[in-house]
């Protein structure tokens, strides 16, 4: 659960992420919360000479495009993480998705939003978006971190109607380091690379084909390619104009008034 809150000491708005502690766990932290705290402390340090950033933002501007972890508060039943507030998630800025009936058949209606239209009409908007994301990936590569859940829901956009003013990458609960890939998990399948999906399927079947484990997986591919594939999947979504996960027939309303019928490229019927 994420709450919009206000820091009483500074008056600043923050995103307050609530992690209920598992019952009968002797006070242990939720694994996702633990990972987010570790990653946040690695990227942001109160004792840093760079005003709370672990690296110089002038050399690595991408650090400014990651939602900053301000504080961690642990209580008896919950752990609270205080984060920097960003804009709207890319999902909502691209599409408005609603179920509807058309000629007696249930399908999804996808309406392109203003930001999607801006991307189509002005290439500079798309260039700015890709550049900012590339700056974030540059920072992650320096810290040898794989985010592992790059998707439109985790990219917050500050869009003024004409230009992308800022972005914020959020949700590091699935992240892992190059040296410790043991917690690779099934996050959002439509945005995961095929070799990762193959590995996860084999792991779920308790098989170890050709000795494939999480460490070997990161040896046969560069760890950063994990996130790069996800970025490519997002670009495919922008090109097709239909969410990748859309598994049922859908009708997309374009800015020209045309209606496109189809399904997402990576959609699985009945999933």
Protein backbone atom coordinates (compact mmCIF):
# COMPACT_ATOMS: atom_id res chain seq x y z
CA UNK A 1 0.00 0.00 0.00
CA UNK A 2 1.34 3.44 -0.95
CA UNK A 3 0.02 6.60 0.70
CA UNK A 4 0.45 10.23 -0.27
CA UNK A 5 1.66 11.86 2.93
CA UNK A 6 3.28 15.01 4.27
CA UNK A 7 6.46 15.17 6.33
CA UNK A 8 5.46 17.17 9.41
CA UNK A 9 9.02 18.39 9.96
CA UNK A 10 9.64 19.75 6.45
CA UNK A 11 6.12 20.16 5.04
CA UNK A 12 7.27 18.15 2.02
CA UNK A 13 4.96 15.69 0.28
CA UNK A 14 6.23 12.11 0.28
CA UNK A 15 5.10 8.71 -0.97
CA UNK A 16 4.76 6.51 2.10
CA UNK A 17 5.04 2.81 1.27
CA UNK A 18 3.56 0.45 3.86
CA UNK A 19 4.83 -3.13 4.27
CA UNK A 20 2.85 -5.18 6.83
CA UNK A 21 5.16 -7.54 8.70
CA UNK A 22 4.51 -11.24 8.04
CA UNK A 23 2.63 -12.92 10.87
CA UNK A 24 4.51 -15.39 13.07
CA UNK A 25 7.80 -14.26 11.53
CA UNK A 26 9.56 -13.14 14.72
CA UNK A 27 9.69 -9.57 13.50
CA UNK A 28 11.51 -10.30 10.23
CA UNK A 29 11.10 -7.88 7.35
CA UNK A 30 9.15 -8.63 4.21
CA UNK A 31 11.78 -9.70 1.60
CA UNK A 32 10.62 -7.02 -0.82
CA UNK A 33 10.93 -4.33 1.85
CA UNK A 34 14.40 -5.57 2.77
CA UNK A 35 15.58 -5.36 -0.85
CA UNK A 36 14.10 -1.88 -1.31
CA UNK A 37 15.86 -0.67 1.84
CA UNK A 38 19.18 -2.15 0.74
CA UNK A 39 18.95 -0.58 -2.71
CA UNK A 40 17.78 2.75 -1.33
CA UNK A 41 20.66 2.93 1.14
CA UNK A 42 23.11 2.02 -1.60
CA UNK A 43 21.89 4.77 -3.93
CA UNK A 44 21.15 7.44 -1.33
CA UNK A 45 23.26 8.28 1.72
CA UNK A 46 22.62 11.02 4.27
CA UNK A 47 26.35 11.25 4.94
CA UNK A 48 27.30 11.69 1.29
CA UNK A 49 29.02 14.88 0.17
CA UNK A 50 26.54 14.98 -2.73
CA UNK A 51 23.58 16.12 -0.62
CA UNK A 52 22.22 12.66 0.02
CA UNK A 53 23.16 11.08 -3.29
CA UNK A 54 25.85 8.41 -3.32
CA UNK A 55 27.31 9.76 -6.57
CA UNK A 56 27.71 13.19 -8.12
CA UNK A 57 24.50 14.13 -9.98
CA UNK A 58 26.52 16.33 -12.35
CA UNK A 59 28.44 13.31 -13.57
CA UNK A 60 25.54 10.88 -13.33
CA UNK A 61 22.27 12.83 -13.85
CA UNK A 62 20.33 9.58 -13.80
CA UNK A 63 20.57 9.45 -10.00
CA UNK A 64 18.13 12.38 -9.93
CA UNK A 65 15.67 10.26 -11.93
CA UNK A 66 15.34 7.53 -9.32
CA UNK A 67 12.76 8.08 -6.59
CA UNK A 68 14.84 8.90 -3.53
CA UNK A 69 14.44 6.91 -0.32
CA UNK A 70 14.24 9.46 2.49
CA UNK A 71 13.66 7.38 5.59
CA UNK A 72 12.72 3.99 7.02
CA UNK A 73 10.42 3.65 10.04
CA UNK A 74 9.93 0.23 11.60
CA UNK A 75 6.95 -0.33 13.90
CA UNK A 76 5.55 -3.44 15.56
CA UNK A 77 3.20 -4.40 12.73
CA UNK A 78 4.51 -2.43 9.75
CA UNK A 79 7.59 -1.07 8.04
CA UNK A 80 7.19 2.33 6.39
CA UNK A 81 9.43 3.63 3.59
CA UNK A 82 9.31 7.34 2.80
CA UNK A 83 10.00 8.14 -0.87
CA UNK A 84 10.28 11.15 -3.13
CA UNK A 85 7.03 11.88 -4.97
CA UNK A 86 7.02 11.63 -8.77
CA UNK A 87 4.57 12.32 -11.58
CA UNK A 88 1.99 9.99 -13.13
CA UNK A 89 2.89 6.44 -14.10
CA UNK A 90 3.61 5.90 -17.78
CA UNK A 91 0.76 3.37 -18.05
CA UNK A 92 -1.90 5.96 -17.23
CA UNK A 93 -0.29 8.58 -19.45
CA UNK A 94 -0.32 6.25 -22.46
CA UNK A 95 -3.65 4.42 -22.35
CA UNK A 96 -7.07 4.48 -20.78
CA UNK A 97 -8.24 0.84 -20.72
CA UNK A 98 -11.85 -0.12 -20.09
CA UNK A 99 -13.87 -3.28 -20.64
CA UNK A 100 -16.80 -2.88 -23.01
CA UNK A 101 -19.23 -4.80 -25.24
CA UNK A 102 -19.07 -4.44 -29.01
CA UNK A 103 -21.58 -6.25 -31.27
CA UNK A 104 -22.42 -8.65 -28.48
CA UNK A 105 -18.79 -9.50 -27.69
CA UNK A 106 -16.83 -8.39 -24.65
CA UNK A 107 -13.58 -6.67 -25.46
CA UNK A 108 -11.31 -3.98 -24.14
CA UNK A 109 -11.41 -0.39 -25.30
CA UNK A 110 -8.02 1.33 -25.36
CA UNK A 111 -8.05 5.11 -25.71
CA UNK A 112 -4.74 6.83 -26.44
CA UNK A 113 -3.99 9.61 -23.97
CA UNK A 114 -2.38 13.02 -24.54
CA UNK A 115 1.14 11.81 -23.74
CA UNK A 116 0.84 8.99 -26.28
CA UNK A 117 -0.27 11.51 -28.90
CA UNK A 118 2.67 13.77 -28.01
CA UNK A 119 5.09 10.86 -28.51
CA UNK A 120 3.63 10.22 -31.97
CA UNK A 121 3.51 13.86 -33.05
CA UNK A 122 6.86 15.08 -31.72
CA UNK A 123 9.86 12.74 -31.88
CA UNK A 124 11.74 14.93 -29.40
CA UNK A 125 9.35 13.82 -26.64
CA UNK A 126 10.30 10.19 -27.31
CA UNK A 127 13.99 11.08 -27.56
CA UNK A 128 13.85 12.86 -24.19
CA UNK A 129 12.11 9.89 -22.57
CA UNK A 130 14.67 7.39 -23.90
CA UNK A 131 17.59 9.65 -22.92
CA UNK A 132 16.36 10.01 -19.35
CA UNK A 133 15.83 6.27 -18.99
CA UNK A 134 19.30 5.64 -20.45
CA UNK A 135 20.75 7.97 -17.79
CA UNK A 136 19.04 5.88 -15.11
CA UNK A 137 20.43 2.65 -16.59
CA UNK A 138 23.89 4.25 -16.58
CA UNK A 139 23.60 4.73 -12.81
CA UNK A 140 22.32 1.18 -12.27
CA UNK A 141 25.23 -0.19 -14.31
CA UNK A 142 27.70 1.78 -12.19
CA UNK A 143 26.27 0.23 -9.01
CA UNK A 144 26.00 -3.16 -10.76
CA UNK A 145 22.26 -3.30 -10.06
CA UNK A 146 19.54 -4.91 -12.18
CA UNK A 147 16.14 -3.34 -11.50
CA UNK A 148 14.40 -6.46 -12.91
CA UNK A 149 10.90 -4.96 -13.08
CA UNK A 150 11.10 -2.24 -15.71
CA UNK A 151 7.55 -1.61 -16.92
CA UNK A 152 5.30 1.43 -17.52
CA UNK A 153 3.78 1.17 -14.03
CA UNK A 154 7.22 1.76 -12.47
CA UNK A 155 8.16 4.80 -14.55
CA UNK A 156 6.69 8.08 -13.28
CA UNK A 157 6.54 10.95 -15.78
CA UNK A 158 6.33 14.68 -15.13
CA UNK A 159 4.78 15.88 -18.42
CA UNK A 160 3.71 19.48 -18.90
CA UNK A 161 1.68 18.87 -22.07
CA UNK A 162 4.60 19.53 -24.39
CA UNK A 163 7.80 18.14 -22.90
CA UNK A 164 8.97 15.48 -20.44
CA UNK A 165 10.21 17.61 -17.55
CA UNK A 166 11.37 14.72 -15.38
CA UNK A 167 11.01 11.00 -14.75
CA UNK A 168 11.33 8.86 -11.64
CA UNK A 169 12.03 5.12 -11.60
CA UNK A 170 10.34 3.40 -8.65
CA UNK A 171 9.91 -0.03 -7.02
CA UNK A 172 13.24 -1.77 -6.48
CA UNK A 173 11.63 -4.70 -4.65
CA UNK A 174 12.74 -7.16 -7.35
CA UNK A 175 16.22 -5.72 -7.87
CA UNK A 176 19.43 -7.71 -7.48
CA UNK A 177 23.15 -7.18 -7.84
CA UNK A 178 25.26 -8.66 -10.62
CA UNK A 179 27.12 -10.73 -8.02
CA UNK A 180 24.01 -12.02 -6.22
CA UNK A 181 21.26 -12.94 -8.69
CA UNK A 182 19.69 -15.59 -6.48
CA UNK A 183 16.44 -13.68 -5.97
CA UNK A 184 15.45 -13.50 -9.65
CA UNK A 185 11.67 -13.74 -9.64
CA UNK A 186 8.69 -13.64 -11.98
CA UNK A 187 7.75 -9.98 -11.88
CA UNK A 188 5.72 -8.98 -14.96
CA UNK A 189 6.17 -11.73 -17.59
CA UNK A 190 5.27 -9.60 -20.62
CA UNK A 191 8.32 -7.39 -19.99
CA UNK A 192 10.81 -10.17 -19.12
CA UNK A 193 13.46 -11.52 -21.49
CA UNK A 194 12.71 -15.03 -22.86
CA UNK A 195 15.82 -16.64 -21.34
CA UNK A 196 14.72 -15.37 -17.93
CA UNK A 197 11.22 -16.78 -18.40
CA UNK A 198 12.76 -20.08 -19.48
CA UNK A 199 14.94 -20.15 -16.37
CA UNK A 200 11.97 -19.37 -14.10
CA UNK A 201 9.88 -22.11 -15.68
CA UNK A 202 12.64 -24.67 -15.20
CA UNK A 203 13.15 -23.57 -11.62
CA UNK A 204 9.44 -23.96 -10.98
CA UNK A 205 9.61 -27.52 -12.29
CA UNK A 206 12.63 -28.27 -10.08
CA UNK A 207 14.71 -29.10 -13.13
CA UNK A 208 18.24 -27.95 -13.85
CA UNK A 209 18.70 -28.29 -17.58
CA UNK A 210 22.37 -28.01 -18.57
CA UNK A 211 23.19 -26.70 -15.10
CA UNK A 212 21.19 -23.49 -15.60
CA UNK A 213 20.90 -21.59 -12.34
CA UNK A 214 20.63 -17.89 -11.56
CA UNK A 215 24.40 -17.42 -11.57
CA UNK A 216 24.84 -19.20 -14.89
CA UNK A 217 21.95 -17.21 -16.30
CA UNK A 218 23.85 -13.99 -15.62
CA UNK A 219 26.95 -15.52 -17.25
CA UNK A 220 25.23 -16.31 -20.54
CA UNK A 221 23.82 -12.80 -20.80
CA UNK A 222 25.05 -9.43 -19.62
CA UNK A 223 23.05 -8.56 -16.49
CA UNK A 224 22.14 -5.12 -17.84
CA UNK A 225 20.42 -6.80 -20.82
CA UNK A 226 17.70 -7.90 -18.39
CA UNK A 227 16.50 -4.30 -18.09
CA UNK A 228 17.31 -3.44 -21.71
CA UNK A 229 14.90 -6.11 -22.97
CA UNK A 230 12.17 -4.61 -20.78
CA UNK A 231 12.90 -1.17 -22.22
CA UNK A 232 12.62 -2.59 -25.73
CA UNK A 233 9.28 -4.15 -24.82
CA UNK A 234 8.01 -0.73 -23.71
CA UNK A 235 9.11 0.78 -27.03
CA UNK A 236 7.18 -1.98 -28.84
CA UNK A 237 4.12 -1.00 -26.83
CA UNK A 238 4.53 2.60 -27.97
CA UNK A 239 4.84 1.50 -31.61
CA UNK A 240 1.79 -0.77 -31.64
CA UNK A 241 -0.46 1.45 -29.55
CA UNK A 242 -1.84 -1.54 -27.60
CA UNK A 243 -0.63 -2.74 -24.16
CA UNK A 244 1.63 -5.77 -24.56
CA UNK A 245 -0.30 -7.78 -21.98
CA UNK A 246 -3.69 -7.34 -23.66
CA UNK A 247 -4.81 -10.94 -24.08
CA UNK A 248 -8.42 -10.41 -25.12
CA UNK A 249 -9.53 -8.77 -28.33
CA UNK A 250 -9.38 -5.01 -27.98
CA UNK A 251 -10.40 -1.91 -29.88
CA UNK A 252 -7.88 0.93 -29.84
CA UNK A 253 -9.14 4.46 -30.50
CA UNK A 254 -6.40 6.45 -32.25
CA UNK A 255 -5.92 10.21 -32.39
CA UNK A 256 -7.03 10.22 -36.05
CA UNK A 257 -10.39 8.69 -35.18
CA UNK A 258 -9.56 5.26 -36.59
CA UNK A 259 -10.27 2.11 -34.64
CA UNK A 260 -7.71 -0.70 -34.57
CA UNK A 261 -8.67 -4.23 -33.58
CA UNK A 262 -6.12 -6.65 -32.19
CA UNK A 263 -4.37 -7.86 -29.07
CA UNK A 264 -1.06 -7.23 -27.37
CA UNK A 265 2.03 -8.68 -29.05
CA UNK A 266 2.90 -10.70 -25.93
CA UNK A 267 -0.68 -11.31 -24.82
CA UNK A 268 -1.65 -14.87 -23.88
CA UNK A 269 -5.29 -15.82 -24.42
CA UNK A 270 -7.02 -16.46 -21.11
CA UNK A 271 -4.03 -15.55 -18.95
